[in-house]
């Protein structure tokens, strides 16, 4: 989603809907091969008008491809980053006023306590979370809690 937002910074307001729809075809593709085909189509259609957008996607393609290894349930949760952005903001707020940490363990402990406080404030469930949770449990059985 961040790649899409970054891309739309280079697009005029009139064309944002059309470009966003074509970008959506890339990141919602079923496989990495299909996504690469969609990226080539996007480059053919918009490459002359927005070369910075096409170059950005092509330059970062190696970082985007692992995303397609996950099933659609997990990908939907991952690319809708609205859930993670408040957590990141809260963690930045906790570390903002500290100039230095004595070691990595201190940062880990601070984040642990901050996440414990942040999780108490969560009230709204994520859309499609149950399907993603089931998939997470299957794929990452050793990392998922039993509750």
C-alpha atoms as a PDB file:
ATOM      1  CA  UNK A   1       0.000   0.000   0.000  1.00  0.00           C
ATOM      2  CA  UNK A   2       2.879   2.374   0.702  1.00  0.00           C
ATOM      3  CA  UNK A   3       4.206   1.784  -2.809  1.00  0.00           C
ATOM      4  CA  UNK A   4       0.775   2.765  -4.200  1.00  0.00           C
ATOM      5  CA  UNK A   5       0.610   5.920  -2.076  1.00  0.00           C
ATOM      6  CA  UNK A   6       4.105   6.870  -3.130  1.00  0.00           C
ATOM      7  CA  UNK A   7       3.194   6.267  -6.772  1.00  0.00           C
ATOM      8  CA  UNK A   8       0.070   8.416  -6.602  1.00  0.00           C
ATOM      9  CA  UNK A   9       2.170  11.389  -5.450  1.00  0.00           C
ATOM     10  CA  UNK A  10       3.401  11.641  -9.051  1.00  0.00           C
ATOM     11  CA  UNK A  11      -0.073  11.477 -10.604  1.00  0.00           C
ATOM     12  CA  UNK A  12      -2.445  14.379 -11.225  1.00  0.00           C
ATOM     13  CA  UNK A  13      -5.757  14.396  -9.372  1.00  0.00           C
ATOM     14  CA  UNK A  14      -7.735  13.800 -12.572  1.00  0.00           C
ATOM     15  CA  UNK A  15      -5.904  10.568 -13.353  1.00  0.00           C
ATOM     16  CA  UNK A  16      -5.505   9.135  -9.849  1.00  0.00           C
ATOM     17  CA  UNK A  17      -8.539   6.838 -10.040  1.00  0.00           C
ATOM     18  CA  UNK A  18      -7.451   5.240 -13.299  1.00  0.00           C
ATOM     19  CA  UNK A  19      -3.817   4.835 -12.230  1.00  0.00           C
ATOM     20  CA  UNK A  20      -4.850   3.470  -8.812  1.00  0.00           C
ATOM     21  CA  UNK A  21      -7.128   0.915 -10.496  1.00  0.00           C
ATOM     22  CA  UNK A  22      -4.293  -0.261 -12.734  1.00  0.00           C
ATOM     23  CA  UNK A  23      -1.914  -0.451  -9.759  1.00  0.00           C
ATOM     24  CA  UNK A  24      -4.525  -2.449  -7.861  1.00  0.00           C
ATOM     25  CA  UNK A  25      -4.466  -5.002 -10.661  1.00  0.00           C
ATOM     26  CA  UNK A  26      -0.762  -5.488  -9.904  1.00  0.00           C
ATOM     27  CA  UNK A  27      -0.883  -6.022  -6.139  1.00  0.00           C
ATOM     28  CA  UNK A  28      -4.092  -8.080  -6.182  1.00  0.00           C
ATOM     29  CA  UNK A  29      -2.808 -10.491  -8.833  1.00  0.00           C
ATOM     30  CA  UNK A  30      -3.002 -14.175  -7.910  1.00  0.00           C
ATOM     31  CA  UNK A  31       0.659 -14.964  -8.643  1.00  0.00           C
ATOM     32  CA  UNK A  32       3.946 -13.126  -9.038  1.00  0.00           C
ATOM     33  CA  UNK A  33       3.975 -13.977 -12.759  1.00  0.00           C
ATOM     34  CA  UNK A  34       0.528 -12.465 -13.259  1.00  0.00           C
ATOM     35  CA  UNK A  35       1.598  -9.392 -11.280  1.00  0.00           C
ATOM     36  CA  UNK A  36       4.657  -9.012 -13.491  1.00  0.00           C
ATOM     37  CA  UNK A  37       2.411  -9.190 -16.565  1.00  0.00           C
ATOM     38  CA  UNK A  38       0.155  -6.518 -15.045  1.00  0.00           C
ATOM     39  CA  UNK A  39       3.222  -4.374 -14.297  1.00  0.00           C
ATOM     40  CA  UNK A  40       4.315  -4.672 -17.942  1.00  0.00           C
ATOM     41  CA  UNK A  41       0.807  -3.638 -19.060  1.00  0.00           C
ATOM     42  CA  UNK A  42       0.912  -0.735 -16.607  1.00  0.00           C
ATOM     43  CA  UNK A  43       4.308   0.336 -17.958  1.00  0.00           C
ATOM     44  CA  UNK A  44       2.981   0.199 -21.516  1.00  0.00           C
ATOM     45  CA  UNK A  45      -0.053   2.302 -20.680  1.00  0.00           C
ATOM     46  CA  UNK A  46       1.358   4.822 -18.194  1.00  0.00           C
ATOM     47  CA  UNK A  47       5.143   4.602 -18.663  1.00  0.00           C
ATOM     48  CA  UNK A  48       5.434   7.576 -21.020  1.00  0.00           C
ATOM     49  CA  UNK A  49       3.290   9.824 -18.830  1.00  0.00           C
ATOM     50  CA  UNK A  50       4.559   8.701 -15.404  1.00  0.00           C
ATOM     51  CA  UNK A  51       8.037   7.195 -15.843  1.00  0.00           C
ATOM     52  CA  UNK A  52       8.924   7.764 -12.157  1.00  0.00           C
ATOM     53  CA  UNK A  53       6.035   5.540 -11.060  1.00  0.00           C
ATOM     54  CA  UNK A  54       6.997   2.706 -13.404  1.00  0.00           C
ATOM     55  CA  UNK A  55      10.679   2.967 -12.455  1.00  0.00           C
ATOM     56  CA  UNK A  56       9.796   2.894  -8.766  1.00  0.00           C
ATOM     57  CA  UNK A  57       7.820  -0.332  -9.138  1.00  0.00           C
ATOM     58  CA  UNK A  58      10.474  -1.945 -11.338  1.00  0.00           C
ATOM     59  CA  UNK A  59      13.312  -0.875  -9.030  1.00  0.00           C
ATOM     60  CA  UNK A  60      11.545  -2.325  -5.975  1.00  0.00           C
ATOM     61  CA  UNK A  61      10.128  -5.414  -7.681  1.00  0.00           C
ATOM     62  CA  UNK A  62      12.447  -7.794  -5.789  1.00  0.00           C
ATOM     63  CA  UNK A  63      11.004  -6.454  -2.527  1.00  0.00           C
ATOM     64  CA  UNK A  64       7.414  -6.771  -3.769  1.00  0.00           C
ATOM     65  CA  UNK A  65       7.589 -10.356  -5.074  1.00  0.00           C
ATOM     66  CA  UNK A  66       7.708 -12.114  -1.635  1.00  0.00           C
ATOM     67  CA  UNK A  67       4.276 -10.628  -0.972  1.00  0.00           C
ATOM     68  CA  UNK A  68       2.802 -13.026  -3.571  1.00  0.00           C
ATOM     69  CA  UNK A  69       4.039 -16.100  -1.654  1.00  0.00           C
ATOM     70  CA  UNK A  70       1.229 -15.555   0.855  1.00  0.00           C
ATOM     71  CA  UNK A  71      -2.363 -16.645   0.309  1.00  0.00           C
ATOM     72  CA  UNK A  72      -4.997 -13.990  -0.520  1.00  0.00           C
ATOM     73  CA  UNK A  73      -6.395 -13.927   3.033  1.00  0.00           C
ATOM     74  CA  UNK A  74      -3.062 -12.834   4.462  1.00  0.00           C
ATOM     75  CA  UNK A  75      -2.239 -10.493   1.596  1.00  0.00           C
ATOM     76  CA  UNK A  76      -5.501  -8.612   2.125  1.00  0.00           C
ATOM     77  CA  UNK A  77      -4.577  -7.966   5.757  1.00  0.00           C
ATOM     78  CA  UNK A  78      -1.016  -6.980   4.831  1.00  0.00           C
ATOM     79  CA  UNK A  79      -1.807  -4.492   2.076  1.00  0.00           C
ATOM     80  CA  UNK A  80      -4.479  -2.736   4.096  1.00  0.00           C
ATOM     81  CA  UNK A  81      -1.987  -1.080   6.410  1.00  0.00           C
ATOM     82  CA  UNK A  82      -4.487   1.019   8.327  1.00  0.00           C
ATOM     83  CA  UNK A  83      -4.247  -1.446  11.214  1.00  0.00           C
ATOM     84  CA  UNK A  84      -0.480  -1.218  11.572  1.00  0.00           C
ATOM     85  CA  UNK A  85      -0.043   2.539  11.119  1.00  0.00           C
ATOM     86  CA  UNK A  86      -1.428   3.501  14.571  1.00  0.00           C
ATOM     87  CA  UNK A  87       0.856   0.908  16.149  1.00  0.00           C
ATOM     88  CA  UNK A  88       3.878   2.351  14.350  1.00  0.00           C
ATOM     89  CA  UNK A  89       2.871   5.870  15.380  1.00  0.00           C
ATOM     90  CA  UNK A  90       2.571   4.809  19.012  1.00  0.00           C
ATOM     91  CA  UNK A  91       5.971   3.113  18.940  1.00  0.00           C
ATOM     92  CA  UNK A  92       7.555   6.221  17.394  1.00  0.00           C
ATOM     93  CA  UNK A  93       5.962   8.322  20.129  1.00  0.00           C
ATOM     94  CA  UNK A  94       7.511   6.099  22.797  1.00  0.00           C
ATOM     95  CA  UNK A  95      11.031   6.320  21.339  1.00  0.00           C
ATOM     96  CA  UNK A  96      10.910   9.954  20.174  1.00  0.00           C
ATOM     97  CA  UNK A  97      12.162  11.598  23.371  1.00  0.00           C
ATOM     98  CA  UNK A  98      14.941   9.126  24.081  1.00  0.00           C
ATOM     99  CA  UNK A  99      18.303  10.113  22.665  1.00  0.00           C
ATOM    100  CA  UNK A 100      19.971   6.725  23.092  1.00  0.00           C
ATOM    101  CA  UNK A 101      19.406   3.272  24.492  1.00  0.00           C
ATOM    102  CA  UNK A 102      22.053   1.395  26.492  1.00  0.00           C
ATOM    103  CA  UNK A 103      21.533  -1.785  24.438  1.00  0.00           C
ATOM    104  CA  UNK A 104      19.123  -3.579  22.115  1.00  0.00           C
ATOM    105  CA  UNK A 105      17.492  -5.353  25.030  1.00  0.00           C
ATOM    106  CA  UNK A 106      16.366  -2.001  26.446  1.00  0.00           C
ATOM    107  CA  UNK A 107      14.588  -1.168  23.193  1.00  0.00           C
ATOM    108  CA  UNK A 108      13.006  -4.617  23.087  1.00  0.00           C
ATOM    109  CA  UNK A 109      11.665  -4.222  26.629  1.00  0.00           C
ATOM    110  CA  UNK A 110      10.355  -0.729  25.895  1.00  0.00           C
ATOM    111  CA  UNK A 111       8.530  -1.976  22.791  1.00  0.00           C
ATOM    112  CA  UNK A 112       7.121  -4.950  24.699  1.00  0.00           C
ATOM    113  CA  UNK A 113       5.647  -2.672  27.369  1.00  0.00           C
ATOM    114  CA  UNK A 114       4.405  -0.182  24.785  1.00  0.00           C
ATOM    115  CA  UNK A 115       2.699  -2.927  22.766  1.00  0.00           C
ATOM    116  CA  UNK A 116       1.057  -4.247  25.925  1.00  0.00           C
ATOM    117  CA  UNK A 117      -0.404  -0.779  26.553  1.00  0.00           C
ATOM    118  CA  UNK A 118      -1.345  -0.250  22.912  1.00  0.00           C
ATOM    119  CA  UNK A 119      -3.173  -3.590  22.680  1.00  0.00           C
ATOM    120  CA  UNK A 120      -5.471  -2.577  25.551  1.00  0.00           C
ATOM    121  CA  UNK A 121      -6.801   0.272  23.390  1.00  0.00           C
ATOM    122  CA  UNK A 122      -7.675  -1.902  20.376  1.00  0.00           C
ATOM    123  CA  UNK A 123     -11.413  -2.016  20.067  1.00  0.00           C
ATOM    124  CA  UNK A 124     -12.274  -2.403  16.403  1.00  0.00           C
ATOM    125  CA  UNK A 125     -11.596  -5.777  14.756  1.00  0.00           C
ATOM    126  CA  UNK A 126      -9.936  -5.925  11.358  1.00  0.00           C
ATOM    127  CA  UNK A 127     -12.098  -6.763   8.396  1.00  0.00           C
ATOM    128  CA  UNK A 128     -11.536 -10.376   7.249  1.00  0.00           C
ATOM    129  CA  UNK A 129      -9.326 -11.012  10.289  1.00  0.00           C
ATOM    130  CA  UNK A 130     -10.805 -14.449  11.064  1.00  0.00           C
ATOM    131  CA  UNK A 131      -9.869 -15.821   7.639  1.00  0.00           C
ATOM    132  CA  UNK A 132      -6.365 -14.382   7.945  1.00  0.00           C
ATOM    133  CA  UNK A 133      -5.992 -15.719  11.495  1.00  0.00           C
ATOM    134  CA  UNK A 134      -6.937 -19.207  10.315  1.00  0.00           C
ATOM    135  CA  UNK A 135      -4.343 -18.978   7.552  1.00  0.00           C
ATOM    136  CA  UNK A 136      -1.688 -17.627   9.959  1.00  0.00           C
ATOM    137  CA  UNK A 137      -2.383 -20.553  12.286  1.00  0.00           C
ATOM    138  CA  UNK A 138      -1.867 -23.040   9.461  1.00  0.00           C
ATOM    139  CA  UNK A 139       1.268 -21.415   8.037  1.00  0.00           C
ATOM    140  CA  UNK A 140       2.922 -20.326  11.285  1.00  0.00           C
ATOM    141  CA  UNK A 141       1.689 -22.968  13.704  1.00  0.00           C
ATOM    142  CA  UNK A 142       4.845 -22.831  15.831  1.00  0.00           C
ATOM    143  CA  UNK A 143       4.528 -19.043  16.321  1.00  0.00           C
ATOM    144  CA  UNK A 144       0.800 -18.769  17.051  1.00  0.00           C
ATOM    145  CA  UNK A 145      -0.477 -18.769  20.634  1.00  0.00           C
ATOM    146  CA  UNK A 146      -2.873 -21.544  21.624  1.00  0.00           C
ATOM    147  CA  UNK A 147      -5.690 -19.245  22.732  1.00  0.00           C
END
